[in-house]
């Protein structure tokens, strides 16, 4: 086996004793890729056969290439070594351990915005769960293609199909994703009052349904830079009961809504490890337009920006800071589309129980963390899960933000006010990109509570 310890030592010594400051890459050998085609791996490297590279830069190129391969989320482990084959020529050896690629996964999913809302405010009511299954086949044909089928029932009846082709051209720059989905609900949040969602339920009829179909074209010439253009078509239907409860749920006292959507996304991602980054930066810019034709009955525009920066400070300390803002127009927006704070990752910590609607918002996050435990365990359970990483971090943080609202502020006192939260916590990062966060936070309302999240802050 190439990667025995004696060979590893020889590889490192070979690079250290190169007589020249530059060398030509003669050969790149890949092993361990049982299913993944070799060009998928070579595409992520920062070097290729025939390149002339400076010897002092070899270590950085290996580190970045490993990060790129890990971020494909196809491999549990990646090893890259360099050998001096004399005559100022280099050989690189790459060994990977593949993950499982077929996932028949049972679903038990929350219908609420986060785990804290479900557990406390909804009294962990099992009727608010979605159950079902996801049939996920990753790395089809070894080309990193993904086919996913989803079937759920419970709070939401949901069916979806998605197929992603990361490369559709010979230069491996362009990709395509196709998807369609349909869902129905007998219960939905229909209005925000006192910055809490109010829910409407009808056991005899569906209160809303949505159909969506679309495509995303992606362009990725540089490894860390991606452009995407999304186009889809959406229709909403709501019941008369829901329309009466909130005439602006679809805006303008409508019970039916249809629109075409066009979205552009620019992502510049130089993070070391996407599920739990510790070094690098992320820039995300989006411009979205709802309503492209005269017969669309909603017309709205939105621009958002996210910038995140991750800095290793040394001695196992790390710093993280991010800024996100969104602006949209017009001020009058349908309740089912408008989003500000309280949804997905857009919130100031300490306000997980609140929804702050509005047309414009900004969030600033700051976090200092210390890695007090980091280890890999040999589980003895086979190649797919024999290498189990476990990383624990303690942290302190401060978040602040503001929502500007010109339409939904009545009876919602947190709209148009300064928000801040600070606290301490523990993060756990482990295999297959799983992350758990436990945070003790105090907000500007004087509330101090423990919150749990199952995804890293970005």
Protein backbone atom coordinates (compact mmCIF):
# COMPACT_ATOMS: atom_id res chain seq x y z
CA UNK A 1 0.00 0.00 0.00
CA UNK A 2 1.41 3.37 -1.07
CA UNK A 3 0.42 5.13 2.10
CA UNK A 4 2.20 3.08 4.75
CA UNK A 5 4.08 5.15 7.26
CA UNK A 6 7.53 4.47 5.79
CA UNK A 7 6.41 5.64 2.37
CA UNK A 8 4.81 8.73 3.90
CA UNK A 9 8.14 9.65 5.52
CA UNK A 10 9.97 9.14 2.25
CA UNK A 11 7.44 11.33 0.43
CA UNK A 12 7.92 14.20 2.83
CA UNK A 13 11.70 13.92 2.82
CA UNK A 14 11.75 13.84 -0.96
CA UNK A 15 9.97 17.18 -1.17
CA UNK A 16 12.20 18.73 1.46
CA UNK A 17 15.41 17.87 -0.38
CA UNK A 18 14.50 19.00 -3.85
CA UNK A 19 17.55 20.79 -5.22
CA UNK A 20 15.54 23.31 -7.22
CA UNK A 21 12.95 25.87 -6.15
CA UNK A 22 10.56 24.74 -8.87
CA UNK A 23 9.62 21.38 -10.36
CA UNK A 24 7.35 19.89 -13.02
CA UNK A 25 4.46 17.61 -12.10
CA UNK A 26 5.13 14.38 -13.98
CA UNK A 27 2.34 12.17 -12.69
CA UNK A 28 -0.80 12.16 -10.51
CA UNK A 29 -1.96 8.75 -9.28
CA UNK A 30 -5.37 8.24 -7.62
CA UNK A 31 -6.41 5.28 -5.48
CA UNK A 32 -9.34 4.32 -3.26
CA UNK A 33 -11.98 5.65 -5.67
CA UNK A 34 -14.08 2.51 -6.06
CA UNK A 35 -16.95 4.34 -7.76
CA UNK A 36 -15.92 7.97 -8.21
CA UNK A 37 -14.43 8.62 -11.62
CA UNK A 38 -10.94 10.00 -11.60
CA UNK A 39 -11.76 13.23 -13.47
CA UNK A 40 -14.13 14.23 -10.63
CA UNK A 41 -11.18 14.11 -8.23
CA UNK A 42 -8.67 15.73 -10.59
CA UNK A 43 -11.13 18.61 -11.20
CA UNK A 44 -10.78 19.74 -7.57
CA UNK A 45 -6.97 19.83 -7.45
CA UNK A 46 -5.04 23.08 -7.52
CA UNK A 47 -2.43 21.48 -9.79
CA UNK A 48 -2.34 19.23 -12.84
CA UNK A 49 0.13 17.15 -14.81
CA UNK A 50 2.58 19.39 -16.67
CA UNK A 51 2.37 22.30 -14.22
CA UNK A 52 5.58 23.87 -12.97
CA UNK A 53 5.18 24.73 -9.31
CA UNK A 54 7.38 26.34 -6.68
CA UNK A 55 8.52 23.79 -4.12
CA UNK A 56 7.64 25.99 -1.10
CA UNK A 57 4.04 26.17 -2.34
CA UNK A 58 3.51 22.40 -2.44
CA UNK A 59 2.19 22.17 1.12
CA UNK A 60 -0.39 24.93 0.53
CA UNK A 61 -1.54 23.33 -2.73
CA UNK A 62 -1.99 19.97 -1.02
CA UNK A 63 -3.97 21.55 1.84
CA UNK A 64 -6.30 23.45 -0.51
CA UNK A 65 -6.80 20.42 -2.75
CA UNK A 66 -7.75 18.29 0.27
CA UNK A 67 -10.27 20.91 1.34
CA UNK A 68 -11.79 20.97 -2.14
CA UNK A 69 -12.15 17.19 -2.17
CA UNK A 70 -13.69 17.08 1.31
CA UNK A 71 -16.19 19.77 0.29
CA UNK A 72 -17.50 17.50 -2.48
CA UNK A 73 -18.97 15.53 0.44
CA UNK A 74 -18.12 12.29 -1.34
CA UNK A 75 -15.25 11.13 0.87
CA UNK A 76 -14.69 10.36 4.55
CA UNK A 77 -10.94 10.75 4.26
CA UNK A 78 -8.46 12.18 1.76
CA UNK A 79 -4.66 11.81 1.72
CA UNK A 80 -2.32 13.55 -0.71
CA UNK A 81 1.44 13.01 -0.85
CA UNK A 82 4.20 14.34 -3.06
CA UNK A 83 7.29 12.41 -4.21
CA UNK A 84 10.44 13.71 -5.91
CA UNK A 85 11.05 11.36 -8.83
CA UNK A 86 14.41 13.09 -9.47
CA UNK A 87 15.33 15.27 -12.42
CA UNK A 88 13.24 18.03 -10.87
CA UNK A 89 9.99 16.13 -11.46
CA UNK A 90 7.19 15.47 -8.98
CA UNK A 91 4.65 12.70 -8.55
CA UNK A 92 1.48 13.19 -6.50
CA UNK A 93 -0.40 10.30 -4.88
CA UNK A 94 -4.01 10.74 -3.83
CA UNK A 95 -5.88 8.21 -1.71
CA UNK A 96 -9.57 8.61 -0.82
CA UNK A 97 -12.09 6.72 1.27
CA UNK A 98 -15.57 6.94 -0.20
CA UNK A 99 -18.80 7.44 1.73
CA UNK A 100 -22.01 5.55 1.33
CA UNK A 101 -23.79 6.98 -1.70
CA UNK A 102 -27.21 5.33 -1.44
CA UNK A 103 -29.39 6.63 1.38
CA UNK A 104 -32.87 5.23 1.92
CA UNK A 105 -33.41 7.60 4.84
CA UNK A 106 -36.53 7.69 7.02
CA UNK A 107 -37.74 11.24 7.68
CA UNK A 108 -38.84 12.69 10.98
CA UNK A 109 -38.83 16.42 10.33
CA UNK A 110 -40.09 19.42 12.26
CA UNK A 111 -42.81 21.54 10.71
CA UNK A 112 -41.84 24.46 12.92
CA UNK A 113 -39.06 27.00 12.25
CA UNK A 114 -36.57 25.41 14.64
CA UNK A 115 -36.23 22.79 17.35
CA UNK A 116 -36.67 25.32 20.16
CA UNK A 117 -40.05 26.57 18.90
CA UNK A 118 -41.33 23.02 18.49
CA UNK A 119 -40.15 21.81 21.90
CA UNK A 120 -41.24 24.79 24.01
CA UNK A 121 -44.01 26.74 22.26
CA UNK A 122 -45.65 23.77 20.54
CA UNK A 123 -45.07 21.48 23.54
CA UNK A 124 -43.20 18.98 21.29
CA UNK A 125 -46.50 17.98 19.70
CA UNK A 126 -45.93 14.91 17.51
CA UNK A 127 -48.70 16.06 15.17
CA UNK A 128 -46.34 18.81 14.05
CA UNK A 129 -43.85 16.33 12.64
CA UNK A 130 -43.46 15.26 9.05
CA UNK A 131 -42.66 11.59 8.53
CA UNK A 132 -41.68 9.83 5.34
CA UNK A 133 -38.61 8.82 3.40
CA UNK A 134 -35.90 10.24 1.17
CA UNK A 135 -34.43 7.98 -1.46
CA UNK A 136 -31.07 9.60 -2.19
CA UNK A 137 -28.61 8.25 -4.71
CA UNK A 138 -25.41 10.28 -4.75
CA UNK A 139 -22.49 9.97 -7.12
CA UNK A 140 -24.48 8.31 -9.90
CA UNK A 141 -22.15 6.77 -12.49
CA UNK A 142 -19.29 8.05 -10.33
CA UNK A 143 -19.80 11.56 -11.73
CA UNK A 144 -21.10 13.23 -8.55
CA UNK A 145 -24.65 13.30 -9.92
CA UNK A 146 -27.49 13.18 -7.41
CA UNK A 147 -31.02 11.81 -7.72
CA UNK A 148 -33.40 12.42 -4.83
CA UNK A 149 -37.06 11.48 -4.32
CA UNK A 150 -38.94 12.70 -1.21
CA UNK A 151 -42.28 11.57 0.15
CA UNK A 152 -43.64 13.03 3.41
CA UNK A 153 -46.89 13.05 5.30
CA UNK A 154 -48.06 14.47 8.62
CA UNK A 155 -48.17 18.22 9.17
CA UNK A 156 -47.30 18.63 5.48
CA UNK A 157 -48.04 16.24 2.63
CA UNK A 158 -45.05 16.65 0.36
CA UNK A 159 -43.64 14.98 -2.72
CA UNK A 160 -40.54 16.09 -4.62
CA UNK A 161 -38.11 14.89 -7.26
CA UNK A 162 -34.67 16.37 -7.99
CA UNK A 163 -31.83 15.47 -10.34
CA UNK A 164 -28.49 17.27 -10.34
CA UNK A 165 -25.78 16.98 -12.97
CA UNK A 166 -22.67 18.88 -11.84
CA UNK A 167 -21.11 18.78 -15.31
CA UNK A 168 -22.87 18.96 -18.67
CA UNK A 169 -19.94 20.15 -20.80
CA UNK A 170 -16.54 18.73 -21.70
CA UNK A 171 -14.66 21.53 -19.92
CA UNK A 172 -16.44 20.63 -16.64
CA UNK A 173 -17.57 24.20 -16.07
CA UNK A 174 -21.37 23.96 -16.37
CA UNK A 175 -23.96 22.01 -14.39
CA UNK A 176 -27.73 21.63 -14.28
CA UNK A 177 -30.31 20.85 -11.61
CA UNK A 178 -33.93 19.94 -12.38
CA UNK A 179 -36.64 19.73 -9.72
CA UNK A 180 -40.37 19.70 -9.10
CA UNK A 181 -42.43 19.56 -5.90
CA UNK A 182 -45.98 19.64 -4.60
CA UNK A 183 -47.29 20.03 -1.06
CA UNK A 184 -50.53 20.54 0.85
CA UNK A 185 -51.27 21.64 4.42
CA UNK A 186 -54.26 21.48 6.72
CA UNK A 187 -52.51 23.90 9.07
CA UNK A 188 -50.32 26.93 8.37
CA UNK A 189 -48.97 30.09 9.92
CA UNK A 190 -51.26 32.80 8.57
CA UNK A 191 -50.21 35.97 10.42
CA UNK A 192 -47.60 37.36 12.84
CA UNK A 193 -48.86 38.91 16.09
CA UNK A 194 -46.60 40.13 18.91
CA UNK A 195 -43.77 38.70 16.77
CA UNK A 196 -45.16 35.18 17.10
CA UNK A 197 -46.71 33.16 14.32
CA UNK A 198 -50.44 32.48 14.55
CA UNK A 199 -51.67 29.20 13.09
CA UNK A 200 -54.89 28.26 11.33
CA UNK A 201 -56.05 24.64 11.08
CA UNK A 202 -58.89 22.97 9.18
CA UNK A 203 -59.19 19.22 9.74
CA UNK A 204 -61.65 18.82 6.87
CA UNK A 205 -59.90 20.75 4.08
CA UNK A 206 -56.46 21.75 2.91
CA UNK A 207 -55.85 25.40 3.75
CA UNK A 208 -53.06 25.80 1.19
CA UNK A 209 -51.22 23.96 -1.58
CA UNK A 210 -48.20 24.77 -3.71
CA UNK A 211 -46.75 23.40 -6.94
CA UNK A 212 -43.29 24.33 -8.17
CA UNK A 213 -41.10 23.23 -11.07
CA UNK A 214 -37.84 24.69 -12.25
CA UNK A 215 -34.19 24.42 -13.20
CA UNK A 216 -30.87 25.83 -12.00
CA UNK A 217 -27.93 26.36 -14.36
CA UNK A 218 -24.53 26.58 -12.68
CA UNK A 219 -21.22 27.84 -14.03
CA UNK A 220 -18.04 26.95 -12.12
CA UNK A 221 -14.86 27.72 -14.03
CA UNK A 222 -12.80 28.48 -10.94
CA UNK A 223 -12.96 25.85 -8.21
CA UNK A 224 -14.08 28.26 -5.49
CA UNK A 225 -16.34 30.56 -7.53
CA UNK A 226 -19.81 29.60 -8.70
CA UNK A 227 -22.49 31.43 -10.68
CA UNK A 228 -26.06 30.13 -10.71
CA UNK A 229 -29.20 31.15 -12.55
CA UNK A 230 -32.50 29.70 -11.33
CA UNK A 231 -35.83 29.84 -13.14
CA UNK A 232 -39.02 28.28 -11.83
CA UNK A 233 -42.79 28.48 -12.00
CA UNK A 234 -44.96 28.41 -8.87
CA UNK A 235 -48.67 28.29 -8.11
CA UNK A 236 -50.39 28.70 -4.72
CA UNK A 237 -53.98 27.91 -3.75
CA UNK A 238 -55.48 28.82 -0.37
CA UNK A 239 -58.87 28.10 1.18
CA UNK A 240 -61.58 30.67 1.77
CA UNK A 241 -61.01 30.23 5.52
CA UNK A 242 -57.37 31.23 5.19
CA UNK A 243 -58.23 34.10 2.86
CA UNK A 244 -60.70 35.45 5.41
CA UNK A 245 -58.15 35.13 8.24
CA UNK A 246 -55.52 37.08 6.29
CA UNK A 247 -56.59 38.78 3.04
CA UNK A 248 -52.92 39.60 2.34
CA UNK A 249 -51.63 36.04 2.68
CA UNK A 250 -51.29 36.04 -1.13
CA UNK A 251 -51.73 39.84 -1.24
CA UNK A 252 -54.73 41.68 -2.64
CA UNK A 253 -57.46 39.34 -1.30
CA UNK A 254 -56.45 36.54 -3.69
CA UNK A 255 -57.03 32.84 -3.17
CA UNK A 256 -54.77 31.93 -6.13
CA UNK A 257 -51.24 33.08 -6.90
CA UNK A 258 -48.96 32.29 -9.83
CA UNK A 259 -45.59 33.66 -10.83
CA UNK A 260 -42.39 32.93 -12.66
CA UNK A 261 -39.20 33.48 -10.70
CA UNK A 262 -35.69 34.35 -11.87
CA UNK A 263 -32.74 34.34 -9.46
CA UNK A 264 -29.02 34.99 -9.90
CA UNK A 265 -26.53 33.74 -7.31
CA UNK A 266 -22.81 34.45 -7.02
CA UNK A 267 -20.93 32.36 -4.46
CA UNK A 268 -17.25 32.85 -3.67
CA UNK A 269 -16.36 30.15 -1.18
CA UNK A 270 -12.84 29.90 0.24
CA UNK A 271 -13.83 28.13 3.46
CA UNK A 272 -11.73 25.17 4.53
CA UNK A 273 -14.68 22.89 5.40
CA UNK A 274 -18.20 23.93 4.50
CA UNK A 275 -20.23 22.09 7.18
CA UNK A 276 -18.09 23.62 9.95
CA UNK A 277 -15.56 26.17 8.66
CA UNK A 278 -12.62 27.44 10.73
CA UNK A 279 -10.59 29.26 8.09
CA UNK A 280 -11.32 31.28 4.95
CA UNK A 281 -14.26 33.35 3.80
CA UNK A 282 -17.61 33.14 2.04
CA UNK A 283 -19.32 35.75 -0.14
CA UNK A 284 -22.87 35.12 -1.27
CA UNK A 285 -24.81 37.58 -3.44
CA UNK A 286 -28.38 36.98 -4.66
CA UNK A 287 -30.76 38.96 -6.83
CA UNK A 288 -34.30 37.62 -7.18
CA UNK A 289 -37.33 38.68 -9.20
CA UNK A 290 -40.82 37.31 -8.57
CA UNK A 291 -43.14 37.98 -11.52
CA UNK A 292 -41.72 38.12 -15.03
CA UNK A 293 -44.84 38.31 -17.16
CA UNK A 294 -47.98 40.50 -17.21
CA UNK A 295 -50.18 37.59 -16.13
CA UNK A 296 -48.14 36.89 -13.00
CA UNK A 297 -50.10 38.27 -10.05
CA UNK A 298 -47.14 39.08 -7.84
CA UNK A 299 -44.22 41.36 -8.72
CA UNK A 300 -41.41 41.76 -6.23
CA UNK A 301 -37.62 42.20 -6.26
CA UNK A 302 -35.00 41.32 -3.67
CA UNK A 303 -31.24 41.64 -3.23
CA UNK A 304 -29.27 39.96 -0.46
CA UNK A 305 -25.62 39.76 0.53
CA UNK A 306 -23.77 37.50 2.96
CA UNK A 307 -20.11 37.84 3.88
CA UNK A 308 -18.50 35.50 6.43
CA UNK A 309 -14.88 35.49 7.59
CA UNK A 310 -13.13 32.74 9.58
CA UNK A 311 -9.71 33.29 11.20
CA UNK A 312 -7.51 30.81 13.10
CA UNK A 313 -5.93 32.82 15.92
CA UNK A 314 -3.48 30.15 17.04
CA UNK A 315 -3.34 28.02 20.19
CA UNK A 316 -6.64 26.36 19.16
CA UNK A 317 -8.57 29.66 19.14
CA UNK A 318 -10.75 30.73 16.18
CA UNK A 319 -12.64 33.90 15.27
CA UNK A 320 -15.76 34.11 13.13
CA UNK A 321 -17.65 37.16 11.87
CA UNK A 322 -20.44 37.51 9.35
CA UNK A 323 -22.65 40.23 7.93
CA UNK A 324 -25.88 39.65 6.09
CA UNK A 325 -28.38 42.14 4.73
CA UNK A 326 -31.43 42.06 2.49
CA UNK A 327 -33.44 44.75 0.77
CA UNK A 328 -36.64 44.27 -1.20
CA UNK A 329 -39.44 46.18 -2.91
CA UNK A 330 -42.28 47.09 -2.95
CA UNK A 331 -43.25 47.48 0.70
CA UNK A 332 -46.56 45.64 0.23
CA UNK A 333 -45.58 41.97 0.06
CA UNK A 334 -47.57 38.74 0.25
CA UNK A 335 -47.27 37.07 3.65
CA UNK A 336 -46.32 33.71 2.11
CA UNK A 337 -43.28 35.20 0.33
CA UNK A 338 -41.95 38.00 2.57
CA UNK A 339 -39.16 36.86 4.86
CA UNK A 340 -36.92 38.73 7.30
CA UNK A 341 -35.65 37.40 10.64
CA UNK A 342 -36.72 34.15 12.24
CA UNK A 343 -36.51 31.89 9.19
CA UNK A 344 -33.80 29.36 8.34
CA UNK A 345 -30.40 30.85 9.34
CA UNK A 346 -31.56 34.48 9.41
CA UNK A 347 -31.89 35.41 13.07
CA UNK A 348 -30.09 37.12 15.92
CA UNK A 349 -29.28 34.51 18.55
CA UNK A 350 -31.57 34.92 21.53
CA UNK A 351 -34.62 35.56 19.32
CA UNK A 352 -35.20 32.00 18.09
CA UNK A 353 -38.78 32.12 19.40
CA UNK A 354 -39.64 35.30 17.48
CA UNK A 355 -40.47 36.23 13.91
CA UNK A 356 -39.63 39.75 12.76
CA UNK A 357 -41.21 40.40 9.36
CA UNK A 358 -40.09 43.18 7.07
CA UNK A 359 -38.72 44.28 3.74
CA UNK A 360 -35.15 45.06 4.80
CA UNK A 361 -32.83 43.64 7.46
CA UNK A 362 -29.22 43.36 8.56
CA UNK A 363 -27.49 40.86 10.88
CA UNK A 364 -23.95 41.04 12.30
CA UNK A 365 -22.50 37.99 14.09
CA UNK A 366 -19.27 37.69 16.08
CA UNK A 367 -17.93 34.50 17.64
CA UNK A 368 -14.75 33.42 19.45
CA UNK A 369 -14.24 29.69 19.95
CA UNK A 370 -11.67 27.31 21.41
CA UNK A 371 -11.17 23.70 20.33
CA UNK A 372 -10.80 21.71 23.55
CA UNK A 373 -11.20 18.24 22.02
CA UNK A 374 -10.33 16.90 18.58
CA UNK A 375 -9.84 13.25 17.74
CA UNK A 376 -10.54 10.56 15.17
CA UNK A 377 -11.72 7.13 16.27
CA UNK A 378 -11.36 3.82 14.48
CA UNK A 379 -14.82 2.28 14.77
CA UNK A 380 -13.92 -1.03 13.10
CA UNK A 381 -17.21 -0.84 11.17
CA UNK A 382 -15.86 -0.89 7.62
CA UNK A 383 -14.36 1.61 5.21
CA UNK A 384 -17.43 3.85 5.01
CA UNK A 385 -17.49 4.71 8.72
CA UNK A 386 -14.24 3.37 10.14
CA UNK A 387 -12.81 6.85 10.69
CA UNK A 388 -15.06 8.79 13.09
CA UNK A 389 -14.05 12.42 13.78
CA UNK A 390 -15.25 14.14 16.93
CA UNK A 391 -14.52 17.84 17.52
CA UNK A 392 -15.76 19.93 20.46
CA UNK A 393 -15.55 23.71 20.76
CA UNK A 394 -16.47 26.14 23.52
CA UNK A 395 -17.39 29.65 22.42
CA UNK A 396 -18.58 33.14 23.29
CA UNK A 397 -20.53 35.33 20.85
CA UNK A 398 -22.37 38.58 20.23
CA UNK A 399 -25.04 39.14 17.54
CA UNK A 400 -26.99 42.24 16.59
CA UNK A 401 -29.46 43.19 13.90
CA UNK A 402 -32.30 45.39 12.70
CA UNK A 403 -35.44 44.87 10.61
CA UNK A 404 -37.00 47.74 8.68
CA UNK A 405 -40.70 47.10 8.10
CA UNK A 406 -43.28 49.34 6.43
CA UNK A 407 -46.12 46.83 6.10
CA UNK A 408 -46.36 44.27 8.92
CA UNK A 409 -45.23 46.33 11.95
CA UNK A 410 -48.66 46.77 13.54
CA UNK A 411 -48.86 44.70 16.76
CA UNK A 412 -45.25 43.51 16.27
CA UNK A 413 -43.05 45.49 18.68
CA UNK A 414 -39.71 43.95 17.59
CA UNK A 415 -40.09 45.31 14.06
CA UNK A 416 -38.05 48.49 13.51
CA UNK A 417 -36.09 47.99 16.75
CA UNK A 418 -32.44 47.21 17.53
CA UNK A 419 -31.89 43.53 18.36
CA UNK A 420 -28.93 42.03 20.19
CA UNK A 421 -28.00 38.74 21.82
CA UNK A 422 -24.88 37.41 23.49
CA UNK A 423 -23.84 34.25 25.27
CA UNK A 424 -21.69 31.14 25.49
CA UNK A 425 -22.05 27.68 24.02
CA UNK A 426 -20.66 24.35 22.89
CA UNK A 427 -20.41 23.11 19.30
CA UNK A 428 -20.02 19.45 18.33
CA UNK A 429 -18.83 18.51 14.84
CA UNK A 430 -18.66 14.87 13.77
CA UNK A 431 -18.87 12.53 10.76
CA UNK A 432 -21.08 12.87 7.66
CA UNK A 433 -21.18 16.66 8.19
CA UNK A 434 -23.25 16.49 11.38
CA UNK A 435 -23.11 19.54 13.67
CA UNK A 436 -24.90 20.30 16.94
CA UNK A 437 -24.88 23.63 18.81
CA UNK A 438 -25.87 24.21 22.44
CA UNK A 439 -26.09 27.90 23.35
CA UNK A 440 -26.96 29.90 26.47
CA UNK A 441 -28.06 33.33 25.21
CA UNK A 442 -29.37 36.58 26.69
CA UNK A 443 -31.23 39.03 24.45
CA UNK A 444 -32.16 42.73 24.70
CA UNK A 445 -35.54 41.77 26.22
CA UNK A 446 -33.72 40.44 29.27
CA UNK A 447 -34.50 36.81 28.40
CA UNK A 448 -31.80 34.21 29.13
CA UNK A 449 -32.45 30.78 27.63
CA UNK A 450 -30.77 27.67 26.29
CA UNK A 451 -31.14 27.03 22.56
CA UNK A 452 -30.25 23.98 20.45
CA UNK A 453 -29.46 24.00 16.73
CA UNK A 454 -28.38 21.21 14.39
CA UNK A 455 -26.45 23.31 11.89
CA UNK A 456 -23.38 25.52 12.06
CA UNK A 457 -23.62 29.30 11.81
CA UNK A 458 -22.42 30.54 8.41
